[in-house]
Amino acid sequence: MPDTDNSHQPQIYKRIIEDIEKWPIARISRDREAVIHAIVEETLQNILQKNKTEHDVHEELAKAVYLEKIRLNSKAWKTDPEDDKAFWNDVKNKLVEFENKADNDITEETALLRKIITRYVTEIAGNFKPRTYRFAERFVPFAFNRLLNASHSKAFRKIFGNKKDLLKSINLVGEIDQARTLTEKGIMIMVPTHISNIDSITVGWGVSAIGLPSFFYGAGLNLFSVRFLAYFMKRLGAYKVDRRKKNAIYLESLKSYSTQIISRGGHSLFFPGGTRSRSGLLETQLKLGLLGTALEAQRRLIEEAKDNNYKKVYVIPVTLNYGFVLEAPELIDEYLRNVGKERYFVPSDKYSSSFKLVKFMIRFFTADADFTIAFGRSMDIFGNPVDDAGKSLDAAGNEIDISDYFKRKGALADDTQRDSVFTKMVSENILDAFKKNNVAMPEHVVAFAAFKLFLKKNPENDVYAVLRTPEENRELNRAEFKTTLEKLVKEIIKLSTKEKIRIDPLLEADIEEVMDYGVKKLGVYHTKKPLVFIKNGEIKCNDMKVLFFYHNRLEGYGLEKHV
């Protein structure tokens, strides 16, 4: 059933800005020191605005010291500065001095606060080196093609691959032309789903493949301990996010960084779910902090514009769709432990070194698995749809002037409570877009059909009891499975015509082919394949938990009614 039509020629997209030096990310990175200084001062003023007295500032500093001490008492990361403990001991000692001579003067506290903020912002700040980008652009297609074709050596003849070769392995679908047009007109915020460690690499390549300039993006500080990744990330726009740091000073520094980058015209990418989906489900809740910085950046752009001629911030939802997620067994185990249904020892991070990461990538890409990047229709920062010219539209299709959202009594006004409502609005529209742009793949459909049939066979059991089904009771009748699969495929295709989901073209093949292909490809490289055909032609489940993980990708569409 795989596509063997060699006449298919994937589209190669020309860069919308040919000269890398003229990309927003390159321009902002050239002014890195000035940008850092501006972020430090903004963060400082924001904190002092919330903490006006000497006592308030002292309390904020004390909370930061307390929380940082907790972090320092846990296991250190390779990326932690060598002077971390000494720095925070010094801050603590200074606070004791300040307390002993309280004088209603916050000059010394402000200087200490600035020192902490500078340390944080310098750590956070990303950079972009055009020379490294040019190397990565040549290297990534080569590496991906080597990996994707490693199990098909007869078909692989070239030493170096290129984008066209790679596009035959990775499907790019959706509103690509609109994304290209709006990136030229305004500032793009790309918000992908998140399910695998490979997501950053996948979506980064996708951005390049459709001809967009590079995006700034947040990456967990722990990833920088992997030298192979750190080398590229430090030079390709990644800014560091340390989720262990939970004090208000750090969080304000991070928000100010994102706001400054976007308001200076930098395209930005972040995973709004905050972390990988442990269950396999599409995101159902988003982190609002970074979305809030995009809203604040839009307010500033409007405020600073002349004659209402402002740059707009656009949000483009992206779904990353895999027929095989290498980490699925660990992810679903963690999910089940967190919901209290199972107890087990949490495994250590499998991808904490360059060797382990490369091994992970090789296993993933040699698995002959399918994956698709789907670009959704863009919206403005309030969640309103936009046309191809970038105009915001209301429900009736009339143009909206989004500057009105920021006005109170006819004048632009800063209103934190109002803006939090707007951020919630756009998050709900992103979640809706994720559902509509989710790509139903044969692997997902066979997993959904199988798991729902196991539930149907055991109506007295809940999901978690079904997960503990003994091995001897994990067989499904092929004819019943095929009938169920056929019903599901018809319903999914019907949903796709209503633009409620996307479908893999393979779903439109003969149902026998869909079944055989889906079962064969589902969890293709797991130690225990979730579904297999056995000698009598029936279908057996070897791993109920992993089957549950893949089945979850199609939850939320009401498909269970058709099983």
Protein backbone atom coordinates (compact mmCIF):
# COMPACT_ATOMS: atom_id res chain seq x y z
CA MET A 1 0.00 0.00 0.00
CA PRO A 2 2.90 2.52 0.30
CA ASP A 3 3.00 5.10 -2.46
CA THR A 4 5.15 3.66 -5.23
CA ASP A 5 4.34 6.33 -7.79
CA ASN A 6 7.77 7.70 -8.60
CA SER A 7 6.20 10.31 -10.86
CA HIS A 8 5.02 12.23 -7.80
CA GLN A 9 7.20 15.31 -7.48
CA PRO A 10 7.01 17.10 -4.11
CA GLN A 11 6.92 20.88 -4.27
CA ILE A 12 10.07 22.77 -3.41
CA TYR A 13 9.33 26.15 -1.86
CA LYS A 14 11.58 29.11 -2.53
CA ARG A 15 12.67 31.16 0.48
CA ILE A 16 10.43 34.17 0.96
CA ILE A 17 13.56 36.13 2.00
CA GLU A 18 16.54 34.79 0.08
CA ASP A 19 19.26 36.65 2.00
CA ILE A 20 19.62 34.99 5.43
CA GLU A 21 21.29 38.12 6.81
CA LYS A 22 18.00 39.97 6.27
CA TRP A 23 15.91 37.52 8.29
CA PRO A 24 14.37 39.04 11.46
CA ILE A 25 16.14 36.46 13.62
CA ALA A 26 19.53 37.45 12.13
CA ARG A 27 18.86 41.17 12.56
CA ILE A 28 17.80 40.76 16.20
CA SER A 29 20.75 38.48 16.97
CA ARG A 30 23.20 41.07 15.63
CA ASP A 31 21.85 43.44 18.32
CA ARG A 32 21.97 40.74 21.00
CA GLU A 33 23.68 42.83 23.69
CA ALA A 34 21.30 45.77 23.21
CA VAL A 35 18.32 43.40 23.26
CA ILE A 36 19.53 41.79 26.49
CA HIS A 37 19.95 45.22 28.08
CA ALA A 38 16.41 46.23 27.06
CA ILE A 39 14.96 42.99 28.45
CA VAL A 40 16.80 43.43 31.75
CA GLU A 41 15.49 46.97 32.18
CA GLU A 42 11.94 45.99 31.21
CA THR A 43 11.94 43.07 33.65
CA LEU A 44 13.32 45.26 36.41
CA GLN A 45 10.64 47.92 35.91
CA ASN A 46 7.88 45.30 35.77
CA ILE A 47 8.97 43.80 39.09
CA LEU A 48 9.39 47.19 40.77
CA GLN A 49 5.94 48.18 39.52
CA LYS A 50 4.50 45.22 41.41
CA ASN A 51 6.76 45.68 44.47
CA LYS A 52 6.84 49.35 45.37
CA THR A 53 8.23 49.32 48.92
CA GLU A 54 11.55 48.16 50.36
CA HIS A 55 9.71 45.40 52.21
CA ASP A 56 8.01 44.19 49.02
CA VAL A 57 11.27 44.07 47.05
CA HIS A 58 13.01 42.30 49.92
CA GLU A 59 10.22 39.71 50.05
CA GLU A 60 10.46 39.07 46.31
CA LEU A 61 14.21 38.55 46.56
CA ALA A 62 13.80 36.28 49.59
CA LYS A 63 11.27 34.10 47.74
CA ALA A 64 13.68 33.77 44.82
CA VAL A 65 16.52 32.73 47.16
CA TYR A 66 14.28 30.18 48.89
CA LEU A 67 13.13 28.59 45.61
CA GLU A 68 16.61 28.61 44.11
CA LYS A 69 17.99 26.89 47.23
CA ILE A 70 15.43 24.12 46.73
CA ARG A 71 16.58 23.76 43.12
CA LEU A 72 20.25 23.72 44.13
CA ASN A 73 19.62 20.98 46.69
CA SER A 74 18.26 18.68 43.98
CA LYS A 75 20.41 16.90 41.40
CA ALA A 76 22.44 19.39 39.35
CA TRP A 77 22.28 19.50 35.56
CA LYS A 78 25.35 19.63 33.34
CA THR A 79 24.15 23.00 32.09
CA ASP A 80 24.13 24.60 35.56
CA PRO A 81 26.86 27.25 36.02
CA GLU A 82 29.74 26.21 38.26
CA ASP A 83 29.24 29.27 40.43
CA ASP A 84 25.50 28.67 40.95
CA LYS A 85 25.70 27.91 44.68
CA ALA A 86 28.23 30.66 45.33
CA PHE A 87 26.08 33.21 43.50
CA TRP A 88 22.95 32.44 45.50
CA ASN A 89 24.85 32.27 48.79
CA ASP A 90 26.11 35.77 48.02
CA VAL A 91 22.56 36.95 47.29
CA LYS A 92 21.38 35.46 50.58
CA ASN A 93 24.16 37.18 52.54
CA LYS A 94 23.37 40.52 50.94
CA LEU A 95 19.71 40.14 51.85
CA VAL A 96 20.67 39.62 55.50
CA GLU A 97 22.74 42.83 55.34
CA PHE A 98 19.83 44.76 53.82
CA GLU A 99 17.47 43.49 56.49
CA ASN A 100 19.77 44.67 59.26
CA LYS A 101 19.82 48.22 57.91
CA ALA A 102 16.27 48.77 56.64
CA ASP A 103 16.14 52.44 55.64
CA ASN A 104 13.27 52.71 53.11
CA ASP A 105 15.84 53.09 50.34
CA ILE A 106 15.68 50.39 47.65
CA THR A 107 18.82 51.42 45.75
CA GLU A 108 20.86 48.43 46.93
CA GLU A 109 17.96 46.01 46.53
CA THR A 110 17.40 47.30 43.00
CA ALA A 111 21.07 46.76 42.12
CA LEU A 112 20.88 43.19 43.43
CA LEU A 113 17.65 42.60 41.55
CA ARG A 114 19.24 43.87 38.33
CA LYS A 115 22.20 41.53 38.87
CA ILE A 116 19.88 38.51 39.21
CA ILE A 117 17.80 39.51 36.18
CA THR A 118 20.93 40.02 34.07
CA ARG A 119 22.11 36.53 35.00
CA TYR A 120 18.75 35.03 34.07
CA VAL A 121 18.31 36.93 30.79
CA THR A 122 21.87 36.18 29.65
CA GLU A 123 21.16 32.49 30.22
CA ILE A 124 17.78 32.63 28.45
CA ALA A 125 18.77 34.68 25.39
CA GLY A 126 19.01 32.84 22.08
CA ASN A 127 21.32 33.56 19.18
CA PHE A 128 21.43 32.92 15.46
CA LYS A 129 24.48 32.37 13.28
CA PRO A 130 23.79 32.39 9.51
CA ARG A 131 26.92 30.32 8.89
CA THR A 132 25.67 27.54 11.19
CA TYR A 133 22.25 27.71 9.54
CA ARG A 134 23.78 27.21 6.09
CA PHE A 135 25.65 24.16 7.35
CA ALA A 136 22.55 22.75 9.07
CA GLU A 137 20.47 23.28 5.93
CA ARG A 138 22.89 21.06 4.01
CA PHE A 139 23.40 18.58 6.82
CA VAL A 140 19.80 17.94 7.92
CA PRO A 141 18.44 16.67 4.57
CA PHE A 142 21.56 14.52 4.26
CA ALA A 143 21.13 13.09 7.76
CA PHE A 144 17.36 12.65 7.44
CA ASN A 145 17.69 10.95 4.09
CA ARG A 146 20.41 8.64 5.37
CA LEU A 147 18.24 7.71 8.34
CA LEU A 148 14.98 7.44 6.42
CA ASN A 149 16.56 5.22 3.81
CA ALA A 150 18.89 3.19 6.01
CA SER A 151 16.53 0.23 5.87
CA HIS A 152 16.16 0.55 2.09
CA SER A 153 19.78 0.53 0.94
CA LYS A 154 18.89 -0.60 -2.60
CA ALA A 155 16.82 2.54 -3.08
CA PHE A 156 19.47 4.79 -1.62
CA ARG A 157 22.23 5.58 -4.06
CA LYS A 158 23.32 9.13 -3.38
CA ILE A 159 25.82 10.11 -0.75
CA PHE A 160 24.03 13.35 -0.03
CA GLY A 161 20.29 13.90 0.06
CA ASN A 162 18.36 17.07 -0.65
CA LYS A 163 15.05 18.67 0.25
CA LYS A 164 13.21 17.06 -2.66
CA ASP A 165 14.32 13.57 -1.57
CA LEU A 166 13.28 14.29 2.00
CA LEU A 167 9.88 15.66 0.98
CA LYS A 168 9.06 12.20 -0.38
CA SER A 169 9.34 10.88 3.19
CA ILE A 170 7.77 13.74 5.15
CA ASN A 171 4.34 14.97 4.07
CA LEU A 172 3.70 18.72 4.26
CA VAL A 173 0.02 19.63 4.05
CA GLY A 174 -2.37 22.45 4.90
CA GLU A 175 -2.38 26.22 4.58
CA ILE A 176 1.22 26.55 3.41
CA ASP A 177 0.65 29.37 0.91
CA GLN A 178 -1.16 31.46 3.52
CA ALA A 179 1.64 30.88 6.03
CA ARG A 180 4.20 32.09 3.48
CA THR A 181 2.15 35.18 2.57
CA LEU A 182 1.49 36.23 6.16
CA THR A 183 5.11 35.69 7.21
CA GLU A 184 6.03 38.39 4.69
CA LYS A 185 3.31 40.73 5.97
CA GLY A 186 3.57 40.32 9.73
CA ILE A 187 5.04 38.40 12.66
CA MET A 188 4.31 34.68 12.95
CA ILE A 189 3.78 32.70 16.15
CA MET A 190 3.91 28.99 15.32
CA VAL A 191 2.24 26.70 17.87
CA PRO A 192 2.69 22.95 17.19
CA THR A 193 1.33 19.92 19.00
CA HIS A 194 3.96 18.07 21.03
CA ILE A 195 4.29 14.31 21.37
CA SER A 196 7.90 13.30 20.66
CA ASN A 197 11.49 14.29 21.37
CA ILE A 198 11.92 14.58 17.63
CA ASP A 199 9.30 17.37 17.33
CA SER A 200 11.74 20.30 17.48
CA ILE A 201 13.81 18.84 14.65
CA THR A 202 10.73 17.91 12.62
CA VAL A 203 9.00 21.28 12.85
CA GLY A 204 12.28 23.17 12.38
CA TRP A 205 12.87 21.31 9.16
CA GLY A 206 9.24 21.94 8.14
CA VAL A 207 9.71 25.71 8.57
CA SER A 208 12.74 25.58 6.28
CA ALA A 209 11.02 23.28 3.77
CA ILE A 210 8.17 25.71 3.12
CA GLY A 211 10.63 28.57 2.64
CA LEU A 212 10.10 30.50 5.87
CA PRO A 213 12.93 32.27 7.72
CA SER A 214 14.03 30.69 10.99
CA PHE A 215 11.99 31.19 14.15
CA PHE A 216 13.10 31.88 17.69
CA TYR A 217 11.98 28.95 19.83
CA GLY A 218 12.07 27.94 23.48
CA ALA A 219 13.97 24.77 24.36
CA GLY A 220 14.30 23.07 27.73
CA LEU A 221 17.63 23.90 29.36
CA ASN A 222 18.22 20.17 29.95
CA LEU A 223 18.47 19.63 26.17
CA PHE A 224 21.56 21.83 26.11
CA SER A 225 23.40 19.15 28.09
CA VAL A 226 23.39 17.09 24.87
CA ARG A 227 26.45 18.52 23.08
CA PHE A 228 25.27 17.55 19.61
CA LEU A 229 22.00 19.43 20.12
CA ALA A 230 23.50 22.29 22.10
CA TYR A 231 25.96 23.21 19.35
CA PHE A 232 23.15 23.84 16.88
CA MET A 233 20.52 25.18 19.25
CA LYS A 234 22.85 27.86 20.65
CA ARG A 235 23.37 29.16 17.12
CA LEU A 236 19.96 28.60 15.52
CA GLY A 237 17.63 30.76 17.60
CA ALA A 238 16.84 28.54 20.57
CA TYR A 239 16.33 30.36 23.84
CA LYS A 240 16.68 28.42 27.07
CA VAL A 241 13.76 27.63 29.36
CA ASP A 242 14.57 26.17 32.78
CA ARG A 243 11.35 24.70 34.15
CA ARG A 244 12.96 24.15 37.56
CA LYS A 245 13.11 27.90 38.11
CA LYS A 246 9.69 28.93 39.37
CA ASN A 247 10.37 32.23 41.12
CA ALA A 248 8.66 35.40 39.91
CA ILE A 249 11.92 37.10 38.87
CA TYR A 250 12.83 34.29 36.46
CA LEU A 251 9.32 33.99 35.06
CA GLU A 252 9.13 37.75 34.50
CA SER A 253 12.52 37.63 32.73
CA LEU A 254 11.28 34.87 30.43
CA LYS A 255 8.07 36.75 29.61
CA SER A 256 9.96 39.98 28.91
CA TYR A 257 12.36 38.12 26.61
CA SER A 258 9.52 36.67 24.53
CA THR A 259 7.65 39.99 24.41
CA GLN A 260 10.74 41.91 23.28
CA ILE A 261 11.64 39.37 20.59
CA ILE A 262 8.14 39.39 19.08
CA SER A 263 7.67 43.18 19.31
CA ARG A 264 11.01 43.58 17.46
CA GLY A 265 9.62 41.52 14.57
CA GLY A 266 11.02 38.11 15.49
CA HIS A 267 8.97 35.08 14.42
CA SER A 268 8.55 32.77 17.40
CA LEU A 269 7.74 29.09 17.89
CA PHE A 270 6.70 27.40 21.10
CA PHE A 271 4.83 24.28 22.14
CA PRO A 272 1.75 25.70 23.88
CA GLY A 273 1.02 22.40 25.64
CA GLY A 274 4.25 22.98 27.57
CA THR A 275 5.43 19.37 27.40
CA ARG A 276 4.96 16.18 25.38
CA SER A 277 1.52 14.57 25.52
CA ARG A 278 2.04 11.55 27.78
CA SER A 279 -1.29 9.96 26.85
CA GLY A 280 -1.12 10.30 23.06
CA LEU A 281 -4.14 12.62 23.20
CA LEU A 282 -4.18 15.93 21.39
CA GLU A 283 -3.64 18.83 23.76
CA THR A 284 -6.77 19.73 25.74
CA GLN A 285 -5.25 22.56 27.76
CA LEU A 286 -2.56 25.12 26.92
CA LYS A 287 -0.03 27.12 28.90
CA LEU A 288 -1.05 30.75 28.52
CA GLY A 289 2.15 32.56 29.57
CA LEU A 290 3.94 32.76 26.22
CA LEU A 291 0.68 33.35 24.35
CA GLY A 292 0.21 36.32 26.67
CA THR A 293 3.58 37.74 25.60
CA ALA A 294 2.46 37.65 21.95
CA LEU A 295 -0.66 39.60 22.92
CA GLU A 296 1.42 42.17 24.81
CA ALA A 297 3.77 42.47 21.81
CA GLN A 298 0.78 43.17 19.55
CA ARG A 299 -0.44 45.88 21.94
CA ARG A 300 2.98 47.56 21.83
CA LEU A 301 3.15 47.37 18.05
CA ILE A 302 -0.21 49.13 17.82
CA GLU A 303 0.75 51.69 20.46
CA GLU A 304 4.04 52.56 18.72
CA ALA A 305 2.61 52.66 15.17
CA LYS A 306 1.88 55.83 13.26
CA ASP A 307 -1.48 56.34 11.55
CA ASN A 308 -2.71 52.93 12.73
CA ASN A 309 -0.22 51.31 10.31
CA TYR A 310 0.95 48.53 12.62
CA LYS A 311 2.46 45.10 12.05
CA LYS A 312 0.15 42.25 12.99
CA VAL A 313 0.98 39.16 14.98
CA TYR A 314 -0.43 35.98 13.44
CA VAL A 315 -0.80 32.59 15.10
CA ILE A 316 -0.41 29.44 13.00
CA PRO A 317 -1.38 26.11 14.60
CA VAL A 318 0.61 23.09 13.41
CA THR A 319 -0.06 19.41 14.05
CA LEU A 320 2.77 16.88 14.00
CA ASN A 321 1.36 13.49 13.08
CA TYR A 322 3.28 10.25 13.52
CA GLY A 323 2.32 6.66 12.83
CA PHE A 324 5.04 5.63 15.27
CA VAL A 325 6.28 7.39 18.41
CA LEU A 326 9.39 5.71 19.77
CA GLU A 327 8.82 6.95 23.33
CA ALA A 328 5.19 5.74 23.42
CA PRO A 329 5.74 2.93 26.00
CA GLU A 330 7.48 5.28 28.45
CA LEU A 331 5.03 8.13 27.85
CA ILE A 332 1.91 6.05 28.45
CA ASP A 333 3.47 4.45 31.54
CA GLU A 334 4.12 7.89 32.96
CA TYR A 335 0.60 9.04 32.11
CA LEU A 336 -0.98 6.03 33.85
CA ARG A 337 1.23 6.51 36.89
CA ASN A 338 0.26 10.18 37.10
CA VAL A 339 -3.46 9.42 37.00
CA GLY A 340 -2.88 6.96 39.84
CA LYS A 341 -3.83 3.78 38.06
CA GLU A 342 -0.41 2.16 38.08
CA ARG A 343 2.75 2.30 40.18
CA TYR A 344 6.09 1.83 38.59
CA PHE A 345 9.65 3.06 38.73
CA VAL A 346 10.08 6.17 36.60
CA PRO A 347 12.89 5.54 34.08
CA SER A 348 15.73 8.01 33.77
CA ASP A 349 16.00 10.26 30.74
CA LYS A 350 16.97 8.02 27.85
CA TYR A 351 18.12 10.89 25.66
CA SER A 352 20.54 12.72 27.95
CA SER A 353 23.67 12.33 25.83
CA SER A 354 24.66 12.93 22.22
CA PHE A 355 25.15 9.21 21.63
CA LYS A 356 21.72 8.35 23.03
CA LEU A 357 20.04 11.12 21.05
CA VAL A 358 21.63 10.05 17.75
CA LYS A 359 20.70 6.45 18.52
CA PHE A 360 17.14 7.60 19.18
CA MET A 361 17.01 9.44 15.84
CA ILE A 362 18.41 6.45 13.96
CA ARG A 363 15.82 4.13 15.51
CA PHE A 364 13.03 6.58 14.71
CA PHE A 365 13.90 7.31 11.11
CA THR A 366 14.90 3.77 10.14
CA ALA A 367 11.55 2.52 11.36
CA ASP A 368 9.97 3.19 7.95
CA ALA A 369 7.23 5.11 9.75
CA ASP A 370 4.86 7.70 8.30
CA PHE A 371 4.66 11.27 9.46
CA THR A 372 2.92 14.43 8.33
CA ILE A 373 3.26 18.10 9.24
CA ALA A 374 -0.11 19.88 8.87
CA PHE A 375 -0.15 23.69 8.82
CA GLY A 376 -3.49 25.07 9.99
CA ARG A 377 -5.24 28.25 8.92
CA SER A 378 -3.73 31.30 10.60
CA MET A 379 -5.58 33.50 13.09
CA ASP A 380 -4.86 36.84 14.72
CA ILE A 381 -3.72 37.07 18.33
CA PHE A 382 -7.35 37.12 19.52
CA GLY A 383 -8.23 33.92 17.67
CA ASN A 384 -10.14 35.62 14.86
CA PRO A 385 -9.69 34.04 11.41
CA VAL A 386 -7.64 36.03 8.91
CA ASP A 387 -7.89 36.05 5.14
CA ASP A 388 -4.93 35.60 2.81
CA ALA A 389 -4.31 39.36 2.87
CA GLY A 390 -3.95 39.20 6.67
CA LYS A 391 -7.22 40.99 7.48
CA SER A 392 -8.98 39.88 10.67
CA LEU A 393 -12.57 38.76 10.16
CA ASP A 394 -15.57 38.42 12.45
CA ALA A 395 -18.04 35.51 12.36
CA ALA A 396 -19.92 37.17 9.48
CA GLY A 397 -16.75 37.66 7.42
CA ASN A 398 -16.51 41.40 8.05
CA GLU A 399 -13.11 43.02 8.57
CA ILE A 400 -12.12 43.87 12.16
CA ASP A 401 -9.68 46.51 13.38
CA ILE A 402 -7.98 44.61 16.20
CA SER A 403 -6.69 47.83 17.78
CA ASP A 404 -10.24 48.25 19.15
CA TYR A 405 -9.64 45.28 21.46
CA PHE A 406 -6.99 47.28 23.32
CA LYS A 407 -9.09 50.41 23.77
CA ARG A 408 -11.04 51.63 26.75
CA LYS A 409 -13.34 54.60 26.20
CA GLY A 410 -11.83 55.08 22.76
CA ALA A 411 -8.19 55.19 23.89
CA LEU A 412 -5.50 52.48 24.00
CA ALA A 413 -5.18 51.17 27.55
CA ASP A 414 -3.15 48.52 29.38
CA ASP A 415 -5.47 46.06 31.15
CA THR A 416 -4.02 42.82 32.51
CA GLN A 417 -7.38 41.28 33.43
CA ARG A 418 -8.85 42.03 30.00
CA ASP A 419 -5.77 40.63 28.25
CA SER A 420 -5.96 37.37 30.21
CA VAL A 421 -9.48 36.87 28.80
CA PHE A 422 -8.16 37.51 25.27
CA THR A 423 -5.34 34.99 25.79
CA LYS A 424 -7.89 32.39 26.88
CA MET A 425 -9.87 33.14 23.70
CA VAL A 426 -6.95 32.46 21.37
CA SER A 427 -5.98 29.30 23.30
CA GLU A 428 -9.47 27.86 22.75
CA ASN A 429 -9.22 28.56 19.02
CA ILE A 430 -5.79 26.91 18.87
CA LEU A 431 -7.20 23.78 20.53
CA ASP A 432 -10.04 23.75 18.01
CA ALA A 433 -7.52 24.10 15.16
CA PHE A 434 -5.48 21.18 16.53
CA LYS A 435 -8.57 18.95 16.27
CA LYS A 436 -9.38 20.11 12.73
CA ASN A 437 -5.78 19.65 11.53
CA ASN A 438 -5.16 16.33 13.23
CA VAL A 439 -4.33 13.80 10.49
CA ALA A 440 -6.12 10.46 10.88
CA MET A 441 -3.57 7.87 9.78
CA PRO A 442 -4.20 4.14 9.16
CA GLU A 443 -2.14 3.38 12.29
CA HIS A 444 -4.40 5.55 14.46
CA VAL A 445 -7.61 4.11 13.01
CA VAL A 446 -6.65 0.45 13.50
CA ALA A 447 -5.55 1.24 17.07
CA PHE A 448 -8.84 3.03 17.77
CA ALA A 449 -10.90 0.20 16.29
CA ALA A 450 -9.03 -2.48 18.22
CA PHE A 451 -9.10 -0.77 21.61
CA LYS A 452 -12.80 0.12 21.34
CA LEU A 453 -13.58 -3.50 20.40
CA PHE A 454 -11.78 -4.70 23.53
CA LEU A 455 -13.90 -2.26 25.54
CA LYS A 456 -17.05 -3.48 23.80
CA LYS A 457 -16.17 -7.11 24.56
CA ASN A 458 -15.85 -6.23 28.26
CA PRO A 459 -18.70 -3.76 28.94
CA GLU A 460 -18.45 -4.30 32.69
CA ASN A 461 -14.83 -3.07 32.72
CA ASP A 462 -13.52 0.48 32.59
CA VAL A 463 -10.54 1.53 30.48
CA TYR A 464 -8.02 0.66 33.17
CA ALA A 465 -9.43 -2.82 33.70
CA VAL A 466 -9.25 -3.42 29.94
CA LEU A 467 -5.58 -2.37 30.02
CA ARG A 468 -4.99 -5.35 32.34
CA THR A 469 -6.67 -7.84 30.00
CA PRO A 470 -4.77 -11.18 30.20
CA GLU A 471 -2.81 -12.15 27.11
CA GLU A 472 -5.06 -15.12 26.31
CA ASN A 473 -8.04 -12.75 25.98
CA ARG A 474 -6.39 -10.27 23.63
CA GLU A 475 -7.51 -11.64 20.27
CA LEU A 476 -9.96 -10.04 17.84
CA ASN A 477 -11.92 -11.68 15.04
CA ARG A 478 -10.60 -10.45 11.71
CA ALA A 479 -14.02 -10.16 10.05
CA GLU A 480 -15.48 -8.19 12.98
CA PHE A 481 -12.40 -5.98 13.07
CA LYS A 482 -12.64 -5.30 9.33
CA THR A 483 -16.34 -4.37 9.59
CA THR A 484 -15.64 -1.99 12.47
CA LEU A 485 -12.69 -0.47 10.66
CA GLU A 486 -14.78 0.12 7.55
CA LYS A 487 -17.44 1.98 9.58
CA LEU A 488 -14.80 4.13 11.25
CA VAL A 489 -13.03 5.00 8.01
CA LYS A 490 -16.32 6.05 6.39
CA GLU A 491 -17.15 8.26 9.37
CA ILE A 492 -13.67 9.81 9.44
CA ILE A 493 -13.84 10.58 5.71
CA LYS A 494 -17.26 12.15 6.31
CA LEU A 495 -15.77 14.30 9.11
CA SER A 496 -12.94 15.34 6.81
CA THR A 497 -15.40 16.62 4.19
CA LYS A 498 -16.84 18.85 6.95
CA GLU A 499 -13.27 20.04 7.73
CA LYS A 500 -13.41 18.57 11.24
CA ILE A 501 -10.28 16.43 10.74
CA ARG A 502 -7.68 15.75 8.05
CA ILE A 503 -7.10 12.30 6.60
CA ASP A 504 -4.09 10.47 5.30
CA PRO A 505 -4.81 9.71 1.60
CA LEU A 506 -4.08 6.05 2.38
CA LEU A 507 -7.44 5.84 4.20
CA GLU A 508 -9.20 6.07 0.83
CA ALA A 509 -7.68 2.78 -0.35
CA ASP A 510 -9.45 -0.60 -0.21
CA ILE A 511 -10.36 -1.46 3.40
CA GLU A 512 -8.28 -4.67 3.33
CA GLU A 513 -5.24 -2.61 2.39
CA VAL A 514 -5.99 -0.05 5.10
CA MET A 515 -6.24 -2.83 7.67
CA ASP A 516 -3.09 -4.66 6.58
CA TYR A 517 -1.07 -1.47 6.27
CA GLY A 518 -2.28 -0.01 9.58
CA VAL A 519 -1.57 -3.17 11.58
CA LYS A 520 1.83 -3.61 9.92
CA LYS A 521 2.93 -0.01 10.54
CA LEU A 522 1.44 0.56 14.00
CA GLY A 523 4.29 0.77 16.50
CA VAL A 524 6.54 -0.66 13.81
CA TYR A 525 9.73 -0.51 15.90
CA HIS A 526 8.44 -1.18 19.42
CA THR A 527 9.84 -4.24 21.17
CA LYS A 528 6.28 -5.54 21.32
CA LYS A 529 4.15 -4.46 18.36
CA PRO A 530 0.73 -3.41 19.62
CA LEU A 531 -1.16 -5.41 16.97
CA VAL A 532 -0.11 -8.44 14.92
CA PHE A 533 -1.81 -10.93 12.62
CA ILE A 534 -1.53 -14.46 13.99
CA LYS A 535 -1.57 -17.80 12.16
CA ASN A 536 -5.33 -18.28 12.18
CA GLY A 537 -5.76 -14.86 10.56
CA GLU A 538 -7.07 -13.24 13.71
CA ILE A 539 -5.57 -10.12 15.27
CA LYS A 540 -3.75 -10.14 18.58
CA CYS A 541 -2.71 -7.30 20.86
CA ASN A 542 0.76 -7.67 22.37
CA ASP A 543 0.72 -4.43 24.37
CA MET A 544 -2.58 -2.97 25.59
CA LYS A 545 -1.04 0.20 27.03
CA VAL A 546 0.74 1.17 23.82
CA LEU A 547 -2.40 0.34 21.83
CA PHE A 548 -4.28 2.72 24.17
CA PHE A 549 -1.68 5.43 23.49
CA TYR A 550 -2.15 5.32 19.70
CA HIS A 551 -5.93 4.95 20.00
CA ASN A 552 -6.06 8.19 22.00
CA ARG A 553 -5.09 10.25 18.95
CA LEU A 554 -8.65 9.90 17.63
CA GLU A 555 -10.48 10.54 20.89
CA GLY A 556 -12.84 13.51 21.00
CA TYR A 557 -14.51 13.01 17.61
CA GLY A 558 -17.44 10.84 18.75
CA LEU A 559 -16.12 7.88 16.75
CA GLU A 560 -16.86 5.38 19.54
CA LYS A 561 -20.54 5.48 18.46
CA HIS A 562 -19.53 3.67 15.26
CA VAL A 563 -17.86 0.69 16.96
